[in-house]
């Protein structure tokens, strides 16, 4: 069973995702090629949770919608950096595949939230 399964609390789920990425990256040997990739992966993966926390504290529906869109963008970027990390560390393919699946689910969740907000906004207007 996945470390992430059945967690419907997105604040906790996104924070846990970032923590697991950090733990993985702490174990990796850094060099001139892997170091920037690791840095970018940590930045994008932890940004998902940070932006979701900001969304929950949004000052308006528009602000909430914008933060959710950023969550989705950071999720998509994280998928890219996981792919690059796998190229640097092919022996970590199992770990990166698990993380990729989780961030793909997060991407779909944020896409659905964003789409629902747009549909509801159109109904109001």
PDB file of N, CA and C in Angstrom:
ATOM      1  N   UNK A   1       0.847  -1.190   0.000  1.00  0.00           N
ATOM      2  CA  UNK A   1       0.000   0.000   0.000  1.00  0.00           C
ATOM      3  C   UNK A   1       0.884   1.242   0.000  1.00  0.00           C
ATOM      4  N   UNK A   2       0.484   2.240  -0.729  1.00  0.00           N
ATOM      5  CA  UNK A   2       1.237   3.476  -0.865  1.00  0.00           C
ATOM      6  C   UNK A   2       1.278   4.269   0.437  1.00  0.00           C
ATOM      7  N   UNK A   3       2.345   5.047   0.597  1.00  0.00           N
ATOM      8  CA  UNK A   3       2.477   5.939   1.747  1.00  0.00           C
ATOM      9  C   UNK A   3       1.427   7.036   1.698  1.00  0.00           C
ATOM     10  N   UNK A   4       0.845   7.246   0.535  1.00  0.00           N
ATOM     11  CA  UNK A   4      -0.058   8.367   0.318  1.00  0.00           C
ATOM     12  C   UNK A   4      -1.525   7.972   0.253  1.00  0.00           C
ATOM     13  N   UNK A   5      -1.820   6.694   0.054  1.00  0.00           N
ATOM     14  CA  UNK A   5      -3.181   6.274  -0.246  1.00  0.00           C
ATOM     15  C   UNK A   5      -4.158   6.628   0.870  1.00  0.00           C
ATOM     16  N   UNK A   6      -5.369   6.893   0.457  1.00  0.00           N
ATOM     17  CA  UNK A   6      -6.490   7.170   1.358  1.00  0.00           C
ATOM     18  C   UNK A   6      -6.285   8.392   2.254  1.00  0.00           C
ATOM     19  N   UNK A   7      -5.446   9.313   1.831  1.00  0.00           N
ATOM     20  CA  UNK A   7      -5.304  10.547   2.609  1.00  0.00           C
ATOM     21  C   UNK A   7      -6.046  11.644   1.865  1.00  0.00           C
ATOM     22  N   UNK A   8      -7.221  12.008   2.396  1.00  0.00           N
ATOM     23  CA  UNK A   8      -8.053  13.006   1.740  1.00  0.00           C
ATOM     24  C   UNK A   8      -7.792  14.418   2.273  1.00  0.00           C
ATOM     25  N   UNK A   9      -6.908  14.537   3.265  1.00  0.00           N
ATOM     26  CA  UNK A   9      -6.522  15.833   3.792  1.00  0.00           C
ATOM     27  C   UNK A   9      -5.385  16.361   2.913  1.00  0.00           C
ATOM     28  N   UNK A  10      -5.706  17.269   2.015  1.00  0.00           N
ATOM     29  CA  UNK A  10      -4.699  17.731   1.055  1.00  0.00           C
ATOM     30  C   UNK A  10      -3.558  18.498   1.709  1.00  0.00           C
ATOM     31  N   UNK A  11      -3.822  19.197   2.798  1.00  0.00           N
ATOM     32  CA  UNK A  11      -2.730  19.874   3.502  1.00  0.00           C
ATOM     33  C   UNK A  11      -1.705  18.846   3.965  1.00  0.00           C
ATOM     34  N   UNK A  12      -2.173  17.802   4.595  1.00  0.00           N
ATOM     35  CA  UNK A  12      -1.277  16.756   5.095  1.00  0.00           C
ATOM     36  C   UNK A  12      -0.641  15.990   3.937  1.00  0.00           C
ATOM     37  N   UNK A  13      -1.427  15.687   2.942  1.00  0.00           N
ATOM     38  CA  UNK A  13      -0.929  14.901   1.812  1.00  0.00           C
ATOM     39  C   UNK A  13       0.170  15.638   1.056  1.00  0.00           C
ATOM     40  N   UNK A  14      -0.022  16.928   0.818  1.00  0.00           N
ATOM     41  CA  UNK A  14       0.998  17.692   0.089  1.00  0.00           C
ATOM     42  C   UNK A  14       2.245  17.900   0.952  1.00  0.00           C
ATOM     43  N   UNK A  15       2.061  18.085   2.250  1.00  0.00           N
ATOM     44  CA  UNK A  15       3.210  18.227   3.153  1.00  0.00           C
ATOM     45  C   UNK A  15       3.999  16.920   3.202  1.00  0.00           C
ATOM     46  N   UNK A  16       3.307  15.808   3.330  1.00  0.00           N
ATOM     47  CA  UNK A  16       3.949  14.489   3.379  1.00  0.00           C
ATOM     48  C   UNK A  16       4.716  14.229   2.085  1.00  0.00           C
ATOM     49  N   UNK A  17       4.127  14.601   0.965  1.00  0.00           N
ATOM     50  CA  UNK A  17       4.795  14.426  -0.318  1.00  0.00           C
ATOM     51  C   UNK A  17       6.133  15.184  -0.322  1.00  0.00           C
ATOM     52  N   UNK A  18       6.109  16.433   0.082  1.00  0.00           N
ATOM     53  CA  UNK A  18       7.331  17.230   0.131  1.00  0.00           C
ATOM     54  C   UNK A  18       8.369  16.620   1.064  1.00  0.00           C
ATOM     55  N   UNK A  19       7.918  16.130   2.213  1.00  0.00           N
ATOM     56  CA  UNK A  19       8.838  15.515   3.175  1.00  0.00           C
ATOM     57  C   UNK A  19       9.503  14.268   2.600  1.00  0.00           C
ATOM     58  N   UNK A  20       8.738  13.464   1.894  1.00  0.00           N
ATOM     59  CA  UNK A  20       9.298  12.237   1.317  1.00  0.00           C
ATOM     60  C   UNK A  20      10.297  12.572   0.214  1.00  0.00           C
ATOM     61  N   UNK A  21      10.015  13.595  -0.573  1.00  0.00           N
ATOM     62  CA  UNK A  21      10.971  14.035  -1.597  1.00  0.00           C
ATOM     63  C   UNK A  21      12.267  14.500  -0.924  1.00  0.00           C
ATOM     64  N   UNK A  22      12.140  15.289   0.143  1.00  0.00           N
ATOM     65  CA  UNK A  22      13.328  15.760   0.865  1.00  0.00           C
ATOM     66  C   UNK A  22      14.142  14.578   1.384  1.00  0.00           C
ATOM     67  N   UNK A  23      13.470  13.613   1.997  1.00  0.00           N
ATOM     68  CA  UNK A  23      14.179  12.441   2.528  1.00  0.00           C
ATOM     69  C   UNK A  23      14.911  11.681   1.427  1.00  0.00           C
ATOM     70  N   UNK A  24      14.270  11.515   0.285  1.00  0.00           N
ATOM     71  CA  UNK A  24      14.918  10.844  -0.840  1.00  0.00           C
ATOM     72  C   UNK A  24      16.152  11.633  -1.281  1.00  0.00           C
ATOM     73  N   UNK A  25      16.003  12.921  -1.445  1.00  0.00           N
ATOM     74  CA  UNK A  25      17.095  13.752  -1.962  1.00  0.00           C
ATOM     75  C   UNK A  25      18.266  13.839  -0.993  1.00  0.00           C
ATOM     76  N   UNK A  26      18.001  13.764   0.296  1.00  0.00           N
ATOM     77  CA  UNK A  26      19.077  13.798   1.287  1.00  0.00           C
ATOM     78  C   UNK A  26      20.012  12.598   1.140  1.00  0.00           C
ATOM     79  N   UNK A  27      19.499  11.510   0.605  1.00  0.00           N
ATOM     80  CA  UNK A  27      20.285  10.277   0.456  1.00  0.00           C
ATOM     81  C   UNK A  27      21.101  10.234  -0.843  1.00  0.00           C
ATOM     82  N   UNK A  28      20.873  11.195  -1.727  1.00  0.00           N
ATOM     83  CA  UNK A  28      21.503  11.157  -3.045  1.00  0.00           C
ATOM     84  C   UNK A  28      22.852  11.872  -3.047  1.00  0.00           C
ATOM     85  N   UNK A  29      23.772  11.318  -3.814  1.00  0.00           N
ATOM     86  CA  UNK A  29      25.088  11.932  -3.974  1.00  0.00           C
ATOM     87  C   UNK A  29      24.962  13.067  -4.980  1.00  0.00           C
ATOM     88  N   UNK A  30      25.366  14.250  -4.564  1.00  0.00           N
ATOM     89  CA  UNK A  30      25.239  15.403  -5.453  1.00  0.00           C
ATOM     90  C   UNK A  30      26.549  15.677  -6.188  1.00  0.00           C
ATOM     91  N   UNK A  31      26.408  16.029  -7.466  1.00  0.00           N
ATOM     92  CA  UNK A  31      27.535  16.458  -8.283  1.00  0.00           C
ATOM     93  C   UNK A  31      27.058  17.621  -9.145  1.00  0.00           C
ATOM     94  N   UNK A  32      27.853  18.049 -10.096  1.00  0.00           N
ATOM     95  CA  UNK A  32      27.494  19.234 -10.892  1.00  0.00           C
ATOM     96  C   UNK A  32      26.227  19.024 -11.721  1.00  0.00           C
ATOM     97  N   UNK A  33      25.925  17.805 -12.065  1.00  0.00           N
ATOM     98  CA  UNK A  33      24.713  17.531 -12.854  1.00  0.00           C
ATOM     99  C   UNK A  33      23.505  17.322 -11.947  1.00  0.00           C
ATOM    100  N   UNK A  34      23.657  16.508 -10.933  1.00  0.00           N
ATOM    101  CA  UNK A  34      22.503  16.160 -10.099  1.00  0.00           C
ATOM    102  C   UNK A  34      22.097  17.277  -9.135  1.00  0.00           C
ATOM    103  N   UNK A  35      23.028  18.085  -8.692  1.00  0.00           N
ATOM    104  CA  UNK A  35      22.726  19.113  -7.692  1.00  0.00           C
ATOM    105  C   UNK A  35      21.622  20.081  -8.128  1.00  0.00           C
ATOM    106  N   UNK A  36      21.693  20.670  -9.338  1.00  0.00           N
ATOM    107  CA  UNK A  36      20.601  21.572  -9.739  1.00  0.00           C
ATOM    108  C   UNK A  36      19.261  20.850  -9.899  1.00  0.00           C
ATOM    109  N   UNK A  37      19.297  19.607 -10.322  1.00  0.00           N
ATOM    110  CA  UNK A  37      18.061  18.836 -10.488  1.00  0.00           C
ATOM    111  C   UNK A  37      17.437  18.561  -9.116  1.00  0.00           C
ATOM    112  N   UNK A  38      18.258  18.168  -8.168  1.00  0.00           N
ATOM    113  CA  UNK A  38      17.776  17.924  -6.809  1.00  0.00           C
ATOM    114  C   UNK A  38      17.196  19.211  -6.225  1.00  0.00           C
ATOM    115  N   UNK A  39      17.901  20.306  -6.411  1.00  0.00           N
ATOM    116  CA  UNK A  39      17.438  21.600  -5.905  1.00  0.00           C
ATOM    117  C   UNK A  39      16.073  21.969  -6.495  1.00  0.00           C
ATOM    118  N   UNK A  40      15.928  21.835  -7.792  1.00  0.00           N
ATOM    119  CA  UNK A  40      14.670  22.171  -8.461  1.00  0.00           C
ATOM    120  C   UNK A  40      13.538  21.243  -8.015  1.00  0.00           C
ATOM    121  N   UNK A  41      13.864  19.965  -7.855  1.00  0.00           N
ATOM    122  CA  UNK A  41      12.852  19.003  -7.409  1.00  0.00           C
ATOM    123  C   UNK A  41      12.355  19.349  -6.013  1.00  0.00           C
ATOM    124  N   UNK A  42      13.269  19.663  -5.110  1.00  0.00           N
ATOM    125  CA  UNK A  42      12.865  20.021  -3.756  1.00  0.00           C
ATOM    126  C   UNK A  42      12.020  21.301  -3.772  1.00  0.00           C
ATOM    127  N   UNK A  43      12.439  22.267  -4.564  1.00  0.00           N
ATOM    128  CA  UNK A  43      11.698  23.530  -4.620  1.00  0.00           C
ATOM    129  C   UNK A  43      10.281  23.332  -5.141  1.00  0.00           C
ATOM    130  N   UNK A  44      10.138  22.614  -6.257  1.00  0.00           N
ATOM    131  CA  UNK A  44       8.801  22.450  -6.836  1.00  0.00           C
ATOM    132  C   UNK A  44       7.915  21.543  -5.991  1.00  0.00           C
ATOM    133  N   UNK A  45       8.479  20.478  -5.446  1.00  0.00           N
ATOM    134  CA  UNK A  45       7.655  19.529  -4.685  1.00  0.00           C
ATOM    135  C   UNK A  45       7.178  20.121  -3.359  1.00  0.00           C
ATOM    136  N   UNK A  46       8.001  20.920  -2.705  1.00  0.00           N
ATOM    137  CA  UNK A  46       7.572  21.536  -1.448  1.00  0.00           C
ATOM    138  C   UNK A  46       6.681  22.748  -1.686  1.00  0.00           C
ATOM    139  N   UNK A  47       6.795  23.337  -2.856  1.00  0.00           N
ATOM    140  CA  UNK A  47       5.955  24.475  -3.209  1.00  0.00           C
ATOM    141  C   UNK A  47       4.488  24.084  -3.359  1.00  0.00           C
ATOM    142  N   UNK A  48       4.239  22.843  -3.717  1.00  0.00           N
ATOM    143  CA  UNK A  48       2.854  22.380  -3.863  1.00  0.00           C
ATOM    144  C   UNK A  48       2.102  22.576  -2.553  1.00  0.00           C
ATOM    145  N   UNK A  49       2.674  22.072  -1.468  1.00  0.00           N
ATOM    146  CA  UNK A  49       2.034  22.190  -0.162  1.00  0.00           C
ATOM    147  C   UNK A  49       1.962  23.621   0.332  1.00  0.00           C
ATOM    148  N   UNK A  50       3.030  24.385   0.089  1.00  0.00           N
ATOM    149  CA  UNK A  50       3.044  25.784   0.526  1.00  0.00           C
ATOM    150  C   UNK A  50       1.941  26.576  -0.162  1.00  0.00           C
ATOM    151  N   UNK A  51       1.774  26.350  -1.450  1.00  0.00           N
ATOM    152  CA  UNK A  51       0.733  27.069  -2.184  1.00  0.00           C
ATOM    153  C   UNK A  51      -0.660  26.589  -1.814  1.00  0.00           C
ATOM    154  N   UNK A  52      -0.782  25.313  -1.470  1.00  0.00           N
ATOM    155  CA  UNK A  52      -2.089  24.831  -1.021  1.00  0.00           C
ATOM    156  C   UNK A  52      -2.454  25.467   0.322  1.00  0.00           C
ATOM    157  N   UNK A  53      -1.470  25.612   1.204  1.00  0.00           N
ATOM    158  CA  UNK A  53      -1.719  26.301   2.483  1.00  0.00           C
ATOM    159  C   UNK A  53      -2.142  27.749   2.227  1.00  0.00           C
ATOM    160  N   UNK A  54      -1.483  28.395   1.277  1.00  0.00           N
ATOM    161  CA  UNK A  54      -1.858  29.771   0.926  1.00  0.00           C
ATOM    162  C   UNK A  54      -3.269  29.810   0.348  1.00  0.00           C
ATOM    163  N   UNK A  55      -3.613  28.823  -0.457  1.00  0.00           N
ATOM    164  CA  UNK A  55      -4.957  28.776  -1.042  1.00  0.00           C
ATOM    165  C   UNK A  55      -6.008  28.702   0.064  1.00  0.00           C
ATOM    166  N   UNK A  56      -5.736  27.900   1.074  1.00  0.00           N
ATOM    167  CA  UNK A  56      -6.692  27.770   2.171  1.00  0.00           C
ATOM    168  C   UNK A  56      -6.838  29.043   2.986  1.00  0.00           C
ATOM    169  N   UNK A  57      -5.848  29.909   2.914  1.00  0.00           N
ATOM    170  CA  UNK A  57      -5.931  31.185   3.607  1.00  0.00           C
ATOM    171  C   UNK A  57      -6.209  32.340   2.663  1.00  0.00           C
ATOM    172  N   UNK A  58      -6.706  32.021   1.477  1.00  0.00           N
ATOM    173  CA  UNK A  58      -6.920  33.036   0.441  1.00  0.00           C
ATOM    174  C   UNK A  58      -7.901  34.109   0.897  1.00  0.00           C
ATOM    175  N   UNK A  59      -7.668  35.303   0.370  1.00  0.00           N
ATOM    176  CA  UNK A  59      -8.507  36.446   0.746  1.00  0.00           C
ATOM    177  C   UNK A  59      -9.746  36.577  -0.142  1.00  0.00           C
ATOM    178  N   UNK A  60      -9.785  35.825  -1.238  1.00  0.00           N
ATOM    179  CA  UNK A  60     -10.933  35.882  -2.142  1.00  0.00           C
ATOM    180  C   UNK A  60     -11.001  34.590  -2.947  1.00  0.00           C
ATOM    181  N   UNK A  61     -12.123  34.391  -3.628  1.00  0.00           N
ATOM    182  CA  UNK A  61     -12.256  33.220  -4.502  1.00  0.00           C
ATOM    183  C   UNK A  61     -11.231  33.266  -5.623  1.00  0.00           C
ATOM    184  N   UNK A  62     -10.990  34.460  -6.131  1.00  0.00           N
ATOM    185  CA  UNK A  62     -10.009  34.630  -7.209  1.00  0.00           C
ATOM    186  C   UNK A  62      -8.598  34.272  -6.732  1.00  0.00           C
ATOM    187  N   UNK A  63      -8.273  34.700  -5.524  1.00  0.00           N
ATOM    188  CA  UNK A  63      -6.974  34.377  -4.933  1.00  0.00           C
ATOM    189  C   UNK A  63      -6.853  32.866  -4.732  1.00  0.00           C
ATOM    190  N   UNK A  64      -7.918  32.236  -4.227  1.00  0.00           N
ATOM    191  CA  UNK A  64      -7.936  30.789  -4.040  1.00  0.00           C
ATOM    192  C   UNK A  64      -7.708  30.080  -5.371  1.00  0.00           C
ATOM    193  N   UNK A  65      -8.429  30.502  -6.384  1.00  0.00           N
ATOM    194  CA  UNK A  65      -8.319  29.895  -7.710  1.00  0.00           C
ATOM    195  C   UNK A  65      -6.892  30.027  -8.245  1.00  0.00           C
ATOM    196  N   UNK A  66      -6.284  31.177  -8.061  1.00  0.00           N
ATOM    197  CA  UNK A  66      -4.922  31.399  -8.534  1.00  0.00           C
ATOM    198  C   UNK A  66      -3.933  30.478  -7.816  1.00  0.00           C
ATOM    199  N   UNK A  67      -4.074  30.330  -6.511  1.00  0.00           N
ATOM    200  CA  UNK A  67      -3.163  29.467  -5.746  1.00  0.00           C
ATOM    201  C   UNK A  67      -3.336  27.999  -6.140  1.00  0.00           C
ATOM    202  N   UNK A  68      -4.558  27.590  -6.394  1.00  0.00           N
ATOM    203  CA  UNK A  68      -4.802  26.215  -6.846  1.00  0.00           C
ATOM    204  C   UNK A  68      -4.148  25.993  -8.204  1.00  0.00           C
ATOM    205  N   UNK A  69      -4.230  26.980  -9.083  1.00  0.00           N
ATOM    206  CA  UNK A  69      -3.580  26.888 -10.390  1.00  0.00           C
ATOM    207  C   UNK A  69      -2.067  26.747 -10.217  1.00  0.00           C
ATOM    208  N   UNK A  70      -1.498  27.477  -9.278  1.00  0.00           N
ATOM    209  CA  UNK A  70      -0.060  27.369  -9.010  1.00  0.00           C
ATOM    210  C   UNK A  70       0.273  25.985  -8.466  1.00  0.00           C
ATOM    211  N   UNK A  71      -0.581  25.434  -7.609  1.00  0.00           N
ATOM    212  CA  UNK A  71      -0.378  24.064  -7.108  1.00  0.00           C
ATOM    213  C   UNK A  71      -0.301  23.079  -8.267  1.00  0.00           C
ATOM    214  N   UNK A  72      -1.199  23.240  -9.215  1.00  0.00           N
ATOM    215  CA  UNK A  72      -1.214  22.354 -10.379  1.00  0.00           C
ATOM    216  C   UNK A  72       0.067  22.522 -11.199  1.00  0.00           C
ATOM    217  N   UNK A  73       0.478  23.757 -11.415  1.00  0.00           N
ATOM    218  CA  UNK A  73       1.707  24.016 -12.184  1.00  0.00           C
ATOM    219  C   UNK A  73       2.933  23.427 -11.491  1.00  0.00           C
ATOM    220  N   UNK A  74       3.016  23.587 -10.181  1.00  0.00           N
ATOM    221  CA  UNK A  74       4.154  23.041  -9.436  1.00  0.00           C
ATOM    222  C   UNK A  74       4.139  21.515  -9.462  1.00  0.00           C
ATOM    223  N   UNK A  75       2.951  20.935  -9.437  1.00  0.00           N
ATOM    224  CA  UNK A  75       2.834  19.477  -9.544  1.00  0.00           C
ATOM    225  C   UNK A  75       3.357  18.989 -10.889  1.00  0.00           C
ATOM    226  N   UNK A  76       2.981  19.694 -11.940  1.00  0.00           N
ATOM    227  CA  UNK A  76       3.442  19.315 -13.275  1.00  0.00           C
ATOM    228  C   UNK A  76       4.957  19.477 -13.398  1.00  0.00           C
ATOM    229  N   UNK A  77       5.480  20.559 -12.834  1.00  0.00           N
ATOM    230  CA  UNK A  77       6.929  20.771 -12.867  1.00  0.00           C
ATOM    231  C   UNK A  77       7.654  19.668 -12.100  1.00  0.00           C
ATOM    232  N   UNK A  78       7.095  19.257 -10.988  1.00  0.00           N
ATOM    233  CA  UNK A  78       7.699  18.199 -10.183  1.00  0.00           C
ATOM    234  C   UNK A  78       7.815  16.907 -10.974  1.00  0.00           C
ATOM    235  N   UNK A  79       6.811  16.600 -11.794  1.00  0.00           N
ATOM    236  CA  UNK A  79       6.882  15.395 -12.631  1.00  0.00           C
ATOM    237  C   UNK A  79       8.097  15.464 -13.556  1.00  0.00           C
ATOM    238  N   UNK A  80       8.359  16.637 -14.092  1.00  0.00           N
ATOM    239  CA  UNK A  80       9.524  16.809 -14.973  1.00  0.00           C
ATOM    240  C   UNK A  80      10.820  16.537 -14.209  1.00  0.00           C
ATOM    241  N   UNK A  81      10.957  17.143 -13.014  1.00  0.00           N
ATOM    242  CA  UNK A  81      12.198  16.976 -12.256  1.00  0.00           C
ATOM    243  C   UNK A  81      12.371  15.547 -11.768  1.00  0.00           C
ATOM    244  N   UNK A  82      11.285  14.844 -11.480  1.00  0.00           N
ATOM    245  CA  UNK A  82      11.392  13.427 -11.128  1.00  0.00           C
ATOM    246  C   UNK A  82      11.928  12.624 -12.307  1.00  0.00           C
ATOM    247  N   UNK A  83      11.485  12.958 -13.496  1.00  0.00           N
ATOM    248  CA  UNK A  83      11.995  12.278 -14.696  1.00  0.00           C
ATOM    249  C   UNK A  83      13.493  12.517 -14.848  1.00  0.00           C
ATOM    250  N   UNK A  84      13.926  13.768 -14.641  1.00  0.00           N
ATOM    251  CA  UNK A  84      15.352  14.085 -14.761  1.00  0.00           C
ATOM    252  C   UNK A  84      16.161  13.405 -13.658  1.00  0.00           C
ATOM    253  N   UNK A  85      15.583  13.334 -12.457  1.00  0.00           N
ATOM    254  CA  UNK A  85      16.270  12.667 -11.352  1.00  0.00           C
ATOM    255  C   UNK A  85      16.478  11.190 -11.666  1.00  0.00           C
ATOM    256  N   UNK A  86      15.493  10.574 -12.286  1.00  0.00           N
ATOM    257  CA  UNK A  86      15.602   9.167 -12.662  1.00  0.00           C
ATOM    258  C   UNK A  86      16.732   8.963 -13.663  1.00  0.00           C
ATOM    259  N   UNK A  87      16.950   9.938 -14.512  1.00  0.00           N
ATOM    260  CA  UNK A  87      18.048   9.850 -15.480  1.00  0.00           C
ATOM    261  C   UNK A  87      19.397   9.911 -14.756  1.00  0.00           C
ATOM    262  N   UNK A  88      19.473  10.726 -13.692  1.00  0.00           N
ATOM    263  CA  UNK A  88      20.717  10.837 -12.908  1.00  0.00           C
ATOM    264  C   UNK A  88      20.940   9.619 -12.014  1.00  0.00           C
ATOM    265  N   UNK A  89      19.845   9.073 -11.497  1.00  0.00           N
ATOM    266  CA  UNK A  89      19.923   7.972 -10.538  1.00  0.00           C
ATOM    267  C   UNK A  89      18.977   6.844 -10.966  1.00  0.00           C
ATOM    268  N   UNK A  90      19.341   6.104 -12.014  1.00  0.00           N
ATOM    269  CA  UNK A  90      18.441   5.046 -12.509  1.00  0.00           C
ATOM    270  C   UNK A  90      18.112   3.985 -11.455  1.00  0.00           C
ATOM    271  N   UNK A  91      18.974   3.827 -10.478  1.00  0.00           N
ATOM    272  CA  UNK A  91      18.724   2.842  -9.419  1.00  0.00           C
ATOM    273  C   UNK A  91      17.576   3.269  -8.498  1.00  0.00           C
ATOM    274  N   UNK A  92      17.129   4.511  -8.607  1.00  0.00           N
ATOM    275  CA  UNK A  92      16.034   5.033  -7.775  1.00  0.00           C
ATOM    276  C   UNK A  92      14.698   5.042  -8.517  1.00  0.00           C
ATOM    277  N   UNK A  93      14.629   4.309  -9.603  1.00  0.00           N
ATOM    278  CA  UNK A  93      13.428   4.340 -10.436  1.00  0.00           C
ATOM    279  C   UNK A  93      12.169   3.938  -9.668  1.00  0.00           C
ATOM    280  N   UNK A  94      12.263   3.002  -8.757  1.00  0.00           N
ATOM    281  CA  UNK A  94      11.088   2.581  -7.989  1.00  0.00           C
ATOM    282  C   UNK A  94      10.587   3.730  -7.116  1.00  0.00           C
ATOM    283  N   UNK A  95      11.513   4.414  -6.444  1.00  0.00           N
ATOM    284  CA  UNK A  95      11.137   5.557  -5.608  1.00  0.00           C
ATOM    285  C   UNK A  95      10.547   6.680  -6.448  1.00  0.00           C
ATOM    286  N   UNK A  96      11.202   7.001  -7.548  1.00  0.00           N
ATOM    287  CA  UNK A  96      10.707   8.112  -8.368  1.00  0.00           C
ATOM    288  C   UNK A  96       9.387   7.768  -9.035  1.00  0.00           C
ATOM    289  N   UNK A  97       9.188   6.532  -9.382  1.00  0.00           N
ATOM    290  CA  UNK A  97       7.910   6.128  -9.981  1.00  0.00           C
ATOM    291  C   UNK A  97       6.768   6.287  -8.973  1.00  0.00           C
ATOM    292  N   UNK A  98       7.000   5.893  -7.734  1.00  0.00           N
ATOM    293  CA  UNK A  98       5.987   6.057  -6.682  1.00  0.00           C
ATOM    294  C   UNK A  98       5.660   7.532  -6.478  1.00  0.00           C
ATOM    295  N   UNK A  99       6.705   8.356  -6.418  1.00  0.00           N
ATOM    296  CA  UNK A  99       6.492   9.800  -6.253  1.00  0.00           C
ATOM    297  C   UNK A  99       5.789  10.392  -7.462  1.00  0.00           C
ATOM    298  N   UNK A 100       6.157   9.930  -8.654  1.00  0.00           N
ATOM    299  CA  UNK A 100       5.522  10.443  -9.881  1.00  0.00           C
ATOM    300  C   UNK A 100       4.025  10.120  -9.866  1.00  0.00           C
ATOM    301  N   UNK A 101       3.676   8.916  -9.463  1.00  0.00           N
ATOM    302  CA  UNK A 101       2.254   8.538  -9.410  1.00  0.00           C
ATOM    303  C   UNK A 101       1.489   9.431  -8.430  1.00  0.00           C
ATOM    304  N   UNK A 102       2.095   9.699  -7.280  1.00  0.00           N
ATOM    305  CA  UNK A 102       1.429  10.555  -6.295  1.00  0.00           C
ATOM    306  C   UNK A 102       1.265  11.968  -6.828  1.00  0.00           C
ATOM    307  N   UNK A 103       2.306  12.517  -7.431  1.00  0.00           N
ATOM    308  CA  UNK A 103       2.200  13.897  -7.918  1.00  0.00           C
ATOM    309  C   UNK A 103       1.268  13.977  -9.126  1.00  0.00           C
ATOM    310  N   UNK A 104       1.138  12.897  -9.875  1.00  0.00           N
ATOM    311  CA  UNK A 104       0.145  12.864 -10.952  1.00  0.00           C
ATOM    312  C   UNK A 104      -1.262  12.925 -10.363  1.00  0.00           C
ATOM    313  N   UNK A 105      -1.503  12.192  -9.284  1.00  0.00           N
ATOM    314  CA  UNK A 105      -2.810  12.269  -8.617  1.00  0.00           C
ATOM    315  C   UNK A 105      -3.068  13.681  -8.101  1.00  0.00           C
ATOM    316  N   UNK A 106      -2.054  14.301  -7.511  1.00  0.00           N
ATOM    317  CA  UNK A 106      -2.207  15.680  -7.029  1.00  0.00           C
ATOM    318  C   UNK A 106      -2.529  16.625  -8.182  1.00  0.00           C
ATOM    319  N   UNK A 107      -1.851  16.439  -9.308  1.00  0.00           N
ATOM    320  CA  UNK A 107      -2.114  17.265 -10.497  1.00  0.00           C
ATOM    321  C   UNK A 107      -3.578  17.142 -10.898  1.00  0.00           C
ATOM    322  N   UNK A 108      -4.077  15.925 -10.937  1.00  0.00           N
ATOM    323  CA  UNK A 108      -5.475  15.698 -11.325  1.00  0.00           C
ATOM    324  C   UNK A 108      -6.445  16.294 -10.312  1.00  0.00           C
ATOM    325  N   UNK A 109      -6.106  16.201  -9.037  1.00  0.00           N
ATOM    326  CA  UNK A 109      -6.961  16.794  -8.000  1.00  0.00           C
ATOM    327  C   UNK A 109      -7.028  18.308  -8.172  1.00  0.00           C
ATOM    328  N   UNK A 110      -5.872  18.947  -8.358  1.00  0.00           N
ATOM    329  CA  UNK A 110      -5.856  20.402  -8.516  1.00  0.00           C
ATOM    330  C   UNK A 110      -6.522  20.831  -9.818  1.00  0.00           C
ATOM    331  N   UNK A 111      -6.402  20.007 -10.857  1.00  0.00           N
ATOM    332  CA  UNK A 111      -7.092  20.285 -12.111  1.00  0.00           C
ATOM    333  C   UNK A 111      -8.603  20.253 -11.900  1.00  0.00           C
ATOM    334  N   UNK A 112      -9.068  19.263 -11.148  1.00  0.00           N
ATOM    335  CA  UNK A 112     -10.503  19.129 -10.884  1.00  0.00           C
ATOM    336  C   UNK A 112     -11.020  20.294 -10.038  1.00  0.00           C
ATOM    337  N   UNK A 113     -10.250  20.676  -9.032  1.00  0.00           N
ATOM    338  CA  UNK A 113     -10.655  21.815  -8.203  1.00  0.00           C
ATOM    339  C   UNK A 113     -10.747  23.068  -9.063  1.00  0.00           C
ATOM    340  N   UNK A 114      -9.724  23.290  -9.889  1.00  0.00           N
ATOM    341  CA  UNK A 114      -9.719  24.464 -10.767  1.00  0.00           C
ATOM    342  C   UNK A 114     -10.881  24.452 -11.743  1.00  0.00           C
ATOM    343  N   UNK A 115     -11.150  23.302 -12.339  1.00  0.00           N
ATOM    344  CA  UNK A 115     -12.269  23.185 -13.284  1.00  0.00           C
ATOM    345  C   UNK A 115     -13.602  23.436 -12.596  1.00  0.00           C
ATOM    346  N   UNK A 116     -13.767  22.888 -11.401  1.00  0.00           N
ATOM    347  CA  UNK A 116     -15.008  23.091 -10.647  1.00  0.00           C
ATOM    348  C   UNK A 116     -15.208  24.559 -10.304  1.00  0.00           C
ATOM    349  N   UNK A 117     -14.127  25.237  -9.952  1.00  0.00           N
ATOM    350  CA  UNK A 117     -14.227  26.664  -9.649  1.00  0.00           C
ATOM    351  C   UNK A 117     -14.673  27.452 -10.874  1.00  0.00           C
ATOM    352  N   UNK A 118     -14.136  27.099 -12.034  1.00  0.00           N
ATOM    353  CA  UNK A 118     -14.514  27.798 -13.274  1.00  0.00           C
ATOM    354  C   UNK A 118     -15.967  27.543 -13.625  1.00  0.00           C
ATOM    355  N   UNK A 119     -16.405  26.292 -13.474  1.00  0.00           N
ATOM    356  CA  UNK A 119     -17.801  25.951 -13.780  1.00  0.00           C
ATOM    357  C   UNK A 119     -18.741  26.703 -12.854  1.00  0.00           C
ATOM    358  N   UNK A 120     -18.407  26.702 -11.544  1.00  0.00           N
ATOM    359  CA  UNK A 120     -19.245  27.424 -10.578  1.00  0.00           C
ATOM    360  C   UNK A 120     -19.245  28.930 -10.851  1.00  0.00           C
ATOM    361  N   UNK A 121     -18.124  29.449 -11.277  1.00  0.00           N
ATOM    362  CA  UNK A 121     -18.024  30.890 -11.577  1.00  0.00           C
ATOM    363  C   UNK A 121     -18.912  31.229 -12.778  1.00  0.00           C
ATOM    364  N   UNK A 122     -18.932  30.358 -13.787  1.00  0.00           N
ATOM    365  CA  UNK A 122     -19.756  30.598 -14.966  1.00  0.00           C
ATOM    366  C   UNK A 122     -21.246  30.560 -14.609  1.00  0.00           C
ATOM    367  N   UNK A 123     -21.622  29.702 -13.668  1.00  0.00           N
ATOM    368  CA  UNK A 123     -23.024  29.598 -13.247  1.00  0.00           C
ATOM    369  C   UNK A 123     -23.480  30.872 -12.550  1.00  0.00           C
ATOM    370  N   UNK A 124     -22.546  31.486 -11.809  1.00  0.00           N
ATOM    371  CA  UNK A 124     -22.870  32.711 -11.070  1.00  0.00           C
ATOM    372  C   UNK A 124     -23.020  33.887 -12.015  1.00  0.00           C
ATOM    373  N   UNK A 125     -22.182  33.950 -13.033  1.00  0.00           N
ATOM    374  CA  UNK A 125     -22.183  35.104 -13.947  1.00  0.00           C
ATOM    375  C   UNK A 125     -23.324  35.076 -14.907  1.00  0.00           C
TER     376      UNK A 125
END
